[in-house]
Amino acid sequence: MSTTRSLFDSLTQQASRLFGQDSPLPKAEIESQFKALLQGALAKLDVVSREEFDAQMAVLARTRARLEALELRLTELEQAQSGSVTPPVTPATDVAPAD
């Protein structure tokens, strides 16, 4: 948190110098320097792009839907097992027969 605070303090100081009354730079130069200043500051923060955030939200939604489907299937299997006396079916394993 303190590094974020110091980053913003540094950003504020640099912007103040850039936009100061005694700045001889033209408006376009000030804008480009301020944009570079902001990009540099944001690059130091732990943030993600909107596209990456949206992609991760889609992954999370698919994972949540898959989890809900698996929970429902597990409940169905548990109910089916409690209603019958046969042992549950286990998946076959890829074990070679012993010679």
PDB file of N, CA and C in Angstrom:
ATOM      1  N   MET A   1       0.828  -1.190   0.000  1.00  0.00           N
ATOM      2  CA  MET A   1       0.000   0.000   0.000  1.00  0.00           C
ATOM      3  C   MET A   1       0.867   1.246   0.000  1.00  0.00           C
ATOM      4  N   SER A   2       1.967   1.216   0.770  1.00  0.00           N
ATOM      5  CA  SER A   2       2.830   2.382   0.839  1.00  0.00           C
ATOM      6  C   SER A   2       3.530   2.627  -0.490  1.00  0.00           C
ATOM      7  N   THR A   3       3.850   1.552  -1.236  1.00  0.00           N
ATOM      8  CA  THR A   3       4.466   1.755  -2.543  1.00  0.00           C
ATOM      9  C   THR A   3       3.481   2.377  -3.511  1.00  0.00           C
ATOM     10  N   THR A   4       2.223   2.003  -3.410  1.00  0.00           N
ATOM     11  CA  THR A   4       1.202   2.622  -4.247  1.00  0.00           C
ATOM     12  C   THR A   4       1.054   4.086  -3.886  1.00  0.00           C
ATOM     13  N   ARG A   5       1.088   4.366  -2.599  1.00  0.00           N
ATOM     14  CA  ARG A   5       0.972   5.757  -2.133  1.00  0.00           C
ATOM     15  C   ARG A   5       2.146   6.584  -2.624  1.00  0.00           C
ATOM     16  N   SER A   6       3.356   6.055  -2.492  1.00  0.00           N
ATOM     17  CA  SER A   6       4.531   6.801  -2.943  1.00  0.00           C
ATOM     18  C   SER A   6       4.526   6.956  -4.453  1.00  0.00           C
ATOM     19  N   LEU A   7       3.991   5.967  -5.170  1.00  0.00           N
ATOM     20  CA  LEU A   7       3.885   6.068  -6.617  1.00  0.00           C
ATOM     21  C   LEU A   7       2.969   7.224  -7.005  1.00  0.00           C
ATOM     22  N   PHE A   8       1.833   7.318  -6.315  1.00  0.00           N
ATOM     23  CA  PHE A   8       0.914   8.410  -6.625  1.00  0.00           C
ATOM     24  C   PHE A   8       1.476   9.760  -6.193  1.00  0.00           C
ATOM     25  N   ASP A   9       2.212   9.795  -5.092  1.00  0.00           N
ATOM     26  CA  ASP A   9       2.851  11.038  -4.677  1.00  0.00           C
ATOM     27  C   ASP A   9       3.866  11.495  -5.722  1.00  0.00           C
ATOM     28  N   SER A  10       4.662  10.557  -6.206  1.00  0.00           N
ATOM     29  CA  SER A  10       5.642  10.865  -7.240  1.00  0.00           C
ATOM     30  C   SER A  10       4.952  11.330  -8.525  1.00  0.00           C
ATOM     31  N   LEU A  11       3.878  10.650  -8.876  1.00  0.00           N
ATOM     32  CA  LEU A  11       3.110  11.018 -10.062  1.00  0.00           C
ATOM     33  C   LEU A  11       2.549  12.428  -9.923  1.00  0.00           C
ATOM     34  N   THR A  12       2.045  12.754  -8.753  1.00  0.00           N
ATOM     35  CA  THR A  12       1.491  14.086  -8.505  1.00  0.00           C
ATOM     36  C   THR A  12       2.564  15.153  -8.624  1.00  0.00           C
ATOM     37  N   GLN A  13       3.731  14.900  -8.057  1.00  0.00           N
ATOM     38  CA  GLN A  13       4.825  15.872  -8.136  1.00  0.00           C
ATOM     39  C   GLN A  13       5.264  16.089  -9.585  1.00  0.00           C
ATOM     40  N   GLN A  14       5.400  15.004 -10.329  1.00  0.00           N
ATOM     41  CA  GLN A  14       5.825  15.128 -11.728  1.00  0.00           C
ATOM     42  C   GLN A  14       4.772  15.856 -12.558  1.00  0.00           C
ATOM     43  N   ALA A  15       3.508  15.572 -12.309  1.00  0.00           N
ATOM     44  CA  ALA A  15       2.435  16.247 -13.041  1.00  0.00           C
ATOM     45  C   ALA A  15       2.399  17.730 -12.685  1.00  0.00           C
ATOM     46  N   SER A  16       2.650  18.064 -11.427  1.00  0.00           N
ATOM     47  CA  SER A  16       2.672  19.468 -11.014  1.00  0.00           C
ATOM     48  C   SER A  16       3.775  20.222 -11.735  1.00  0.00           C
ATOM     49  N   ARG A  17       4.945  19.601 -11.835  1.00  0.00           N
ATOM     50  CA  ARG A  17       6.045  20.247 -12.571  1.00  0.00           C
ATOM     51  C   ARG A  17       5.694  20.393 -14.045  1.00  0.00           C
ATOM     52  N   LEU A  18       5.045  19.378 -14.596  1.00  0.00           N
ATOM     53  CA  LEU A  18       4.710  19.372 -16.017  1.00  0.00           C
ATOM     54  C   LEU A  18       3.680  20.444 -16.350  1.00  0.00           C
ATOM     55  N   PHE A  19       2.692  20.609 -15.471  1.00  0.00           N
ATOM     56  CA  PHE A  19       1.617  21.568 -15.718  1.00  0.00           C
ATOM     57  C   PHE A  19       1.850  22.909 -15.044  1.00  0.00           C
ATOM     58  N   GLY A  20       3.031  23.116 -14.502  1.00  0.00           N
ATOM     59  CA  GLY A  20       3.329  24.360 -13.798  1.00  0.00           C
ATOM     60  C   GLY A  20       3.199  25.578 -14.713  1.00  0.00           C
ATOM     61  N   GLN A  21       3.017  26.727 -14.098  1.00  0.00           N
ATOM     62  CA  GLN A  21       2.852  27.979 -14.830  1.00  0.00           C
ATOM     63  C   GLN A  21       4.079  28.314 -15.671  1.00  0.00           C
ATOM     64  N   ASP A  22       5.253  27.918 -15.197  1.00  0.00           N
ATOM     65  CA  ASP A  22       6.489  28.274 -15.882  1.00  0.00           C
ATOM     66  C   ASP A  22       6.918  27.247 -16.933  1.00  0.00           C
ATOM     67  N   SER A  23       6.034  26.315 -17.288  1.00  0.00           N
ATOM     68  CA  SER A  23       6.367  25.295 -18.267  1.00  0.00           C
ATOM     69  C   SER A  23       6.372  25.890 -19.672  1.00  0.00           C
ATOM     70  N   PRO A  24       7.513  25.815 -20.367  1.00  0.00           N
ATOM     71  CA  PRO A  24       7.605  26.377 -21.720  1.00  0.00           C
ATOM     72  C   PRO A  24       7.123  25.414 -22.801  1.00  0.00           C
ATOM     73  N   LEU A  25       6.655  24.225 -22.405  1.00  0.00           N
ATOM     74  CA  LEU A  25       6.270  23.215 -23.385  1.00  0.00           C
ATOM     75  C   LEU A  25       4.915  23.517 -24.014  1.00  0.00           C
ATOM     76  N   PRO A  26       4.749  23.218 -25.306  1.00  0.00           N
ATOM     77  CA  PRO A  26       3.435  23.374 -25.949  1.00  0.00           C
ATOM     78  C   PRO A  26       2.456  22.320 -25.419  1.00  0.00           C
ATOM     79  N   LYS A  27       1.188  22.564 -25.635  1.00  0.00           N
ATOM     80  CA  LYS A  27       0.131  21.710 -25.113  1.00  0.00           C
ATOM     81  C   LYS A  27       0.278  20.255 -25.568  1.00  0.00           C
ATOM     82  N   ALA A  28       0.589  20.015 -26.830  1.00  0.00           N
ATOM     83  CA  ALA A  28       0.729  18.655 -27.352  1.00  0.00           C
ATOM     84  C   ALA A  28       1.866  17.917 -26.657  1.00  0.00           C
ATOM     85  N   GLU A  29       2.960  18.611 -26.396  1.00  0.00           N
ATOM     86  CA  GLU A  29       4.095  18.001 -25.712  1.00  0.00           C
ATOM     87  C   GLU A  29       3.738  17.654 -24.273  1.00  0.00           C
ATOM     88  N   ILE A  30       3.006  18.544 -23.612  1.00  0.00           N
ATOM     89  CA  ILE A  30       2.568  18.288 -22.235  1.00  0.00           C
ATOM     90  C   ILE A  30       1.660  17.061 -22.196  1.00  0.00           C
ATOM     91  N   GLU A  31       0.733  16.981 -23.149  1.00  0.00           N
ATOM     92  CA  GLU A  31      -0.187  15.842 -23.188  1.00  0.00           C
ATOM     93  C   GLU A  31       0.564  14.531 -23.409  1.00  0.00           C
ATOM     94  N   SER A  32       1.526  14.536 -24.332  1.00  0.00           N
ATOM     95  CA  SER A  32       2.259  13.292 -24.599  1.00  0.00           C
ATOM     96  C   SER A  32       3.122  12.896 -23.405  1.00  0.00           C
ATOM     97  N   GLN A  33       3.742  13.864 -22.728  1.00  0.00           N
ATOM     98  CA  GLN A  33       4.551  13.549 -21.551  1.00  0.00           C
ATOM     99  C   GLN A  33       3.672  13.054 -20.402  1.00  0.00           C
ATOM    100  N   PHE A  34       2.492  13.665 -20.243  1.00  0.00           N
ATOM    101  CA  PHE A  34       1.590  13.240 -19.177  1.00  0.00           C
ATOM    102  C   PHE A  34       1.069  11.827 -19.448  1.00  0.00           C
ATOM    103  N   LYS A  35       0.786  11.539 -20.711  1.00  0.00           N
ATOM    104  CA  LYS A  35       0.329  10.196 -21.072  1.00  0.00           C
ATOM    105  C   LYS A  35       1.427   9.173 -20.778  1.00  0.00           C
ATOM    106  N   ALA A  36       2.657   9.491 -21.128  1.00  0.00           N
ATOM    107  CA  ALA A  36       3.775   8.584 -20.838  1.00  0.00           C
ATOM    108  C   ALA A  36       3.961   8.423 -19.332  1.00  0.00           C
ATOM    109  N   LEU A  37       3.771   9.505 -18.599  1.00  0.00           N
ATOM    110  CA  LEU A  37       3.888   9.469 -17.148  1.00  0.00           C
ATOM    111  C   LEU A  37       2.837   8.545 -16.537  1.00  0.00           C
ATOM    112  N   LEU A  38       1.610   8.668 -17.005  1.00  0.00           N
ATOM    113  CA  LEU A  38       0.532   7.811 -16.509  1.00  0.00           C
ATOM    114  C   LEU A  38       0.752   6.348 -16.884  1.00  0.00           C
ATOM    115  N   GLN A  39       1.176   6.106 -18.112  1.00  0.00           N
ATOM    116  CA  GLN A  39       1.417   4.724 -18.534  1.00  0.00           C
ATOM    117  C   GLN A  39       2.521   4.088 -17.709  1.00  0.00           C
ATOM    118  N   GLY A  40       3.555   4.848 -17.420  1.00  0.00           N
ATOM    119  CA  GLY A  40       4.637   4.336 -16.589  1.00  0.00           C
ATOM    120  C   GLY A  40       4.152   4.020 -15.181  1.00  0.00           C
ATOM    121  N   ALA A  41       3.318   4.903 -14.633  1.00  0.00           N
ATOM    122  CA  ALA A  41       2.795   4.691 -13.281  1.00  0.00           C
ATOM    123  C   ALA A  41       1.863   3.485 -13.244  1.00  0.00           C
ATOM    124  N   LEU A  42       1.009   3.340 -14.234  1.00  0.00           N
ATOM    125  CA  LEU A  42       0.082   2.213 -14.266  1.00  0.00           C
ATOM    126  C   LEU A  42       0.808   0.893 -14.497  1.00  0.00           C
ATOM    127  N   ALA A  43       1.905   0.934 -15.236  1.00  0.00           N
ATOM    128  CA  ALA A  43       2.675  -0.287 -15.479  1.00  0.00           C
ATOM    129  C   ALA A  43       3.267  -0.828 -14.181  1.00  0.00           C
ATOM    130  N   LYS A  44       3.522   0.054 -13.214  1.00  0.00           N
ATOM    131  CA  LYS A  44       4.087  -0.369 -11.936  1.00  0.00           C
ATOM    132  C   LYS A  44       3.027  -0.958 -11.009  1.00  0.00           C
ATOM    133  N   LEU A  45       1.772  -0.703 -11.286  1.00  0.00           N
ATOM    134  CA  LEU A  45       0.692  -1.220 -10.444  1.00  0.00           C
ATOM    135  C   LEU A  45       0.329  -2.633 -10.866  1.00  0.00           C
ATOM    136  N   ASP A  46      -0.302  -3.354  -9.980  1.00  0.00           N
ATOM    137  CA  ASP A  46      -0.713  -4.723 -10.248  1.00  0.00           C
ATOM    138  C   ASP A  46      -2.137  -4.697 -10.808  1.00  0.00           C
ATOM    139  N   VAL A  47      -2.278  -4.328 -12.084  1.00  0.00           N
ATOM    140  CA  VAL A  47      -3.586  -4.230 -12.719  1.00  0.00           C
ATOM    141  C   VAL A  47      -3.589  -5.083 -13.989  1.00  0.00           C
ATOM    142  N   VAL A  48      -4.785  -5.418 -14.448  1.00  0.00           N
ATOM    143  CA  VAL A  48      -4.936  -6.173 -15.688  1.00  0.00           C
ATOM    144  C   VAL A  48      -5.770  -5.348 -16.662  1.00  0.00           C
ATOM    145  N   SER A  49      -5.647  -5.693 -17.922  1.00  0.00           N
ATOM    146  CA  SER A  49      -6.442  -4.995 -18.934  1.00  0.00           C
ATOM    147  C   SER A  49      -7.899  -5.441 -18.844  1.00  0.00           C
ATOM    148  N   ARG A  50      -8.769  -4.661 -19.407  1.00  0.00           N
ATOM    149  CA  ARG A  50     -10.198  -4.991 -19.400  1.00  0.00           C
ATOM    150  C   ARG A  50     -10.446  -6.298 -20.152  1.00  0.00           C
ATOM    151  N   GLU A  51      -9.712  -6.492 -21.267  1.00  0.00           N
ATOM    152  CA  GLU A  51      -9.878  -7.705 -22.055  1.00  0.00           C
ATOM    153  C   GLU A  51      -9.488  -8.935 -21.244  1.00  0.00           C
ATOM    154  N   GLU A  52      -8.375  -8.843 -20.512  1.00  0.00           N
ATOM    155  CA  GLU A  52      -7.947  -9.971 -19.684  1.00  0.00           C
ATOM    156  C   GLU A  52      -8.942 -10.235 -18.554  1.00  0.00           C
ATOM    157  N   PHE A  53      -9.456  -9.164 -17.965  1.00  0.00           N
ATOM    158  CA  PHE A  53     -10.456  -9.304 -16.905  1.00  0.00           C
ATOM    159  C   PHE A  53     -11.706  -9.992 -17.441  1.00  0.00           C
ATOM    160  N   ASP A  54     -12.196  -9.546 -18.600  1.00  0.00           N
ATOM    161  CA  ASP A  54     -13.390 -10.152 -19.194  1.00  0.00           C
ATOM    162  C   ASP A  54     -13.153 -11.621 -19.546  1.00  0.00           C
ATOM    163  N   ALA A  55     -11.961 -11.927 -20.050  1.00  0.00           N
ATOM    164  CA  ALA A  55     -11.650 -13.321 -20.388  1.00  0.00           C
ATOM    165  C   ALA A  55     -11.661 -14.184 -19.134  1.00  0.00           C
ATOM    166  N   GLN A  56     -11.089 -13.691 -18.049  1.00  0.00           N
ATOM    167  CA  GLN A  56     -11.070 -14.452 -16.800  1.00  0.00           C
ATOM    168  C   GLN A  56     -12.473 -14.594 -16.213  1.00  0.00           C
ATOM    169  N   MET A  57     -13.313 -13.586 -16.384  1.00  0.00           N
ATOM    170  CA  MET A  57     -14.700 -13.690 -15.926  1.00  0.00           C
ATOM    171  C   MET A  57     -15.442 -14.776 -16.698  1.00  0.00           C
ATOM    172  N   ALA A  58     -15.175 -14.890 -18.000  1.00  0.00           N
ATOM    173  CA  ALA A  58     -15.805 -15.940 -18.802  1.00  0.00           C
ATOM    174  C   ALA A  58     -15.330 -17.317 -18.349  1.00  0.00           C
ATOM    175  N   VAL A  59     -14.039 -17.447 -18.072  1.00  0.00           N
ATOM    176  CA  VAL A  59     -13.497 -18.718 -17.573  1.00  0.00           C
ATOM    177  C   VAL A  59     -14.150 -19.067 -16.242  1.00  0.00           C
ATOM    178  N   LEU A  60     -14.275 -18.084 -15.376  1.00  0.00           N
ATOM    179  CA  LEU A  60     -14.899 -18.312 -14.071  1.00  0.00           C
ATOM    180  C   LEU A  60     -16.356 -18.747 -14.232  1.00  0.00           C
ATOM    181  N   ALA A  61     -17.089 -18.122 -15.142  1.00  0.00           N
ATOM    182  CA  ALA A  61     -18.499 -18.485 -15.356  1.00  0.00           C
ATOM    183  C   ALA A  61     -18.610 -19.928 -15.857  1.00  0.00           C
ATOM    184  N   ARG A  62     -17.728 -20.308 -16.798  1.00  0.00           N
ATOM    185  CA  ARG A  62     -17.756 -21.692 -17.296  1.00  0.00           C
ATOM    186  C   ARG A  62     -17.385 -22.679 -16.193  1.00  0.00           C
ATOM    187  N   THR A  63     -16.409 -22.323 -15.396  1.00  0.00           N
ATOM    188  CA  THR A  63     -15.990 -23.203 -14.300  1.00  0.00           C
ATOM    189  C   THR A  63     -17.098 -23.352 -13.274  1.00  0.00           C
ATOM    190  N   ARG A  64     -17.763 -22.247 -12.974  1.00  0.00           N
ATOM    191  CA  ARG A  64     -18.868 -22.297 -12.009  1.00  0.00           C
ATOM    192  C   ARG A  64     -20.003 -23.173 -12.538  1.00  0.00           C
ATOM    193  N   ALA A  65     -20.329 -23.047 -13.819  1.00  0.00           N
ATOM    194  CA  ALA A  65     -21.392 -23.868 -14.407  1.00  0.00           C
ATOM    195  C   ALA A  65     -21.004 -25.346 -14.386  1.00  0.00           C
ATOM    196  N   ARG A  66     -19.745 -25.622 -14.676  1.00  0.00           N
ATOM    197  CA  ARG A  66     -19.263 -27.005 -14.659  1.00  0.00           C
ATOM    198  C   ARG A  66     -19.321 -27.580 -13.239  1.00  0.00           C
ATOM    199  N   LEU A  67     -18.927 -26.781 -12.263  1.00  0.00           N
ATOM    200  CA  LEU A  67     -18.973 -27.207 -10.870  1.00  0.00           C
ATOM    201  C   LEU A  67     -20.403 -27.512 -10.436  1.00  0.00           C
ATOM    202  N   GLU A  68     -21.342 -26.650 -10.802  1.00  0.00           N
ATOM    203  CA  GLU A  68     -22.736 -26.873 -10.444  1.00  0.00           C
ATOM    204  C   GLU A  68     -23.264 -28.154 -11.078  1.00  0.00           C
ATOM    205  N   ALA A  69     -22.876 -28.410 -12.339  1.00  0.00           N
ATOM    206  CA  ALA A  69     -23.309 -29.637 -13.013  1.00  0.00           C
ATOM    207  C   ALA A  69     -22.713 -30.863 -12.322  1.00  0.00           C
ATOM    208  N   LEU A  70     -21.457 -30.775 -11.924  1.00  0.00           N
ATOM    209  CA  LEU A  70     -20.819 -31.897 -11.233  1.00  0.00           C
ATOM    210  C   LEU A  70     -21.431 -32.128  -9.855  1.00  0.00           C
ATOM    211  N   GLU A  71     -21.761 -31.064  -9.153  1.00  0.00           N
ATOM    212  CA  GLU A  71     -22.412 -31.210  -7.850  1.00  0.00           C
ATOM    213  C   GLU A  71     -23.769 -31.883  -7.999  1.00  0.00           C
ATOM    214  N   LEU A  72     -24.518 -31.509  -9.024  1.00  0.00           N
ATOM    215  CA  LEU A  72     -25.814 -32.129  -9.284  1.00  0.00           C
ATOM    216  C   LEU A  72     -25.638 -33.605  -9.610  1.00  0.00           C
ATOM    217  N   ARG A  73     -24.659 -33.927 -10.440  1.00  0.00           N
ATOM    218  CA  ARG A  73     -24.405 -35.323 -10.808  1.00  0.00           C
ATOM    219  C   ARG A  73     -23.995 -36.141  -9.578  1.00  0.00           C
ATOM    220  N   LEU A  74     -23.155 -35.546  -8.722  1.00  0.00           N
ATOM    221  CA  LEU A  74     -22.742 -36.234  -7.501  1.00  0.00           C
ATOM    222  C   LEU A  74     -23.943 -36.516  -6.601  1.00  0.00           C
ATOM    223  N   THR A  75     -24.828 -35.562  -6.466  1.00  0.00           N
ATOM    224  CA  THR A  75     -26.029 -35.757  -5.658  1.00  0.00           C
ATOM    225  C   THR A  75     -26.886 -36.883  -6.230  1.00  0.00           C
ATOM    226  N   GLU A  76     -27.027 -36.905  -7.562  1.00  0.00           N
ATOM    227  CA  GLU A  76     -27.800 -37.968  -8.196  1.00  0.00           C
ATOM    228  C   GLU A  76     -27.165 -39.331  -7.947  1.00  0.00           C
ATOM    229  N   LEU A  77     -25.840 -39.414  -8.058  1.00  0.00           N
ATOM    230  CA  LEU A  77     -25.147 -40.681  -7.836  1.00  0.00           C
ATOM    231  C   LEU A  77     -25.256 -41.125  -6.381  1.00  0.00           C
ATOM    232  N   GLU A  78     -25.147 -40.192  -5.455  1.00  0.00           N
ATOM    233  CA  GLU A  78     -25.278 -40.526  -4.042  1.00  0.00           C
ATOM    234  C   GLU A  78     -26.676 -41.033  -3.726  1.00  0.00           C
ATOM    235  N   GLN A  79     -27.691 -40.404  -4.325  1.00  0.00           N
ATOM    236  CA  GLN A  79     -29.061 -40.847  -4.107  1.00  0.00           C
ATOM    237  C   GLN A  79     -29.280 -42.223  -4.718  1.00  0.00           C
ATOM    238  N   ALA A  80     -28.718 -42.454  -5.884  1.00  0.00           N
ATOM    239  CA  ALA A  80     -28.863 -43.756  -6.532  1.00  0.00           C
ATOM    240  C   ALA A  80     -28.149 -44.832  -5.727  1.00  0.00           C
ATOM    241  N   GLN A  81     -26.995 -44.509  -5.169  1.00  0.00           N
ATOM    242  CA  GLN A  81     -26.240 -45.477  -4.380  1.00  0.00           C
ATOM    243  C   GLN A  81     -26.954 -45.812  -3.079  1.00  0.00           C
ATOM    244  N   SER A  82     -27.547 -44.833  -2.453  1.00  0.00           N
ATOM    245  CA  SER A  82     -28.224 -45.099  -1.182  1.00  0.00           C
ATOM    246  C   SER A  82     -29.495 -45.915  -1.390  1.00  0.00           C
ATOM    247  N   GLY A  83     -30.039 -45.905  -2.585  1.00  0.00           N
ATOM    248  CA  GLY A  83     -31.246 -46.668  -2.871  1.00  0.00           C
ATOM    249  C   GLY A  83     -30.970 -48.091  -3.310  1.00  0.00           C
ATOM    250  N   SER A  84     -29.721 -48.430  -3.612  1.00  0.00           N
ATOM    251  CA  SER A  84     -29.403 -49.783  -4.077  1.00  0.00           C
ATOM    252  C   SER A  84     -28.375 -50.423  -3.150  1.00  0.00           C
ATOM    253  N   VAL A  85     -28.262 -51.750  -3.245  1.00  0.00           N
ATOM    254  CA  VAL A  85     -27.324 -52.475  -2.400  1.00  0.00           C
ATOM    255  C   VAL A  85     -26.048 -52.829  -3.141  1.00  0.00           C
ATOM    256  N   THR A  86     -25.991 -52.572  -4.424  1.00  0.00           N
ATOM    257  CA  THR A  86     -24.797 -52.907  -5.195  1.00  0.00           C
ATOM    258  C   THR A  86     -23.719 -51.868  -4.935  1.00  0.00           C
ATOM    259  N   PRO A  87     -22.464 -52.294  -4.926  1.00  0.00           N
ATOM    260  CA  PRO A  87     -21.388 -51.331  -4.697  1.00  0.00           C
ATOM    261  C   PRO A  87     -21.273 -50.374  -5.880  1.00  0.00           C
ATOM    262  N   PRO A  88     -20.728 -49.190  -5.642  1.00  0.00           N
ATOM    263  CA  PRO A  88     -20.602 -48.228  -6.731  1.00  0.00           C
ATOM    264  C   PRO A  88     -19.636 -48.720  -7.793  1.00  0.00           C
ATOM    265  N   VAL A  89     -19.884 -48.328  -9.009  1.00  0.00           N
ATOM    266  CA  VAL A  89     -19.028 -48.702 -10.126  1.00  0.00           C
ATOM    267  C   VAL A  89     -17.818 -47.780 -10.110  1.00  0.00           C
ATOM    268  N   THR A  90     -16.634 -48.398 -10.158  1.00  0.00           N
ATOM    269  CA  THR A  90     -15.415 -47.594 -10.203  1.00  0.00           C
ATOM    270  C   THR A  90     -14.884 -47.593 -11.620  1.00  0.00           C
ATOM    271  N   PRO A  91     -14.271 -46.510 -12.029  1.00  0.00           N
ATOM    272  CA  PRO A  91     -13.752 -46.464 -13.395  1.00  0.00           C
ATOM    273  C   PRO A  91     -12.587 -47.431 -13.561  1.00  0.00           C
ATOM    274  N   ALA A  92     -12.440 -47.970 -14.755  1.00  0.00           N
ATOM    275  CA  ALA A  92     -11.348 -48.887 -15.048  1.00  0.00           C
ATOM    276  C   ALA A  92     -10.038 -48.125 -15.031  1.00  0.00           C
ATOM    277  N   THR A  93      -8.989 -48.811 -14.589  1.00  0.00           N
ATOM    278  CA  THR A  93      -7.688 -48.168 -14.559  1.00  0.00           C
ATOM    279  C   THR A  93      -6.836 -48.743 -15.679  1.00  0.00           C
ATOM    280  N   ASP A  94      -5.811 -48.015 -16.040  1.00  0.00           N
ATOM    281  CA  ASP A  94      -4.909 -48.454 -17.118  1.00  0.00           C
ATOM    282  C   ASP A  94      -3.739 -49.217 -16.539  1.00  0.00           C
ATOM    283  N   VAL A  95      -4.039 -50.331 -15.899  1.00  0.00           N
ATOM    284  CA  VAL A  95      -2.999 -51.159 -15.299  1.00  0.00           C
ATOM    285  C   VAL A  95      -2.848 -52.409 -16.149  1.00  0.00           C
ATOM    286  N   ALA A  96      -1.629 -52.690 -16.502  1.00  0.00           N
ATOM    287  CA  ALA A  96      -1.368 -53.887 -17.318  1.00  0.00           C
ATOM    288  C   ALA A  96      -1.549 -55.132 -16.454  1.00  0.00           C
ATOM    289  N   PRO A  97      -2.104 -56.204 -17.016  1.00  0.00           N
ATOM    290  CA  PRO A  97      -2.283 -57.427 -16.228  1.00  0.00           C
ATOM    291  C   PRO A  97      -0.937 -58.006 -15.833  1.00  0.00           C
ATOM    292  N   ALA A  98      -0.898 -58.558 -14.624  1.00  0.00           N
ATOM    293  CA  ALA A  98       0.334 -59.165 -14.125  1.00  0.00           C
ATOM    294  C   ALA A  98       0.578 -60.484 -14.826  1.00  0.00           C
ATOM    295  N   ASP A  99       1.799 -60.747 -15.208  1.00  0.00           N
ATOM    296  CA  ASP A  99       2.130 -62.010 -15.877  1.00  0.00           C
ATOM    297  C   ASP A  99       2.586 -63.041 -14.914  1.00  0.00           C
TER     298      ASP A  99
END
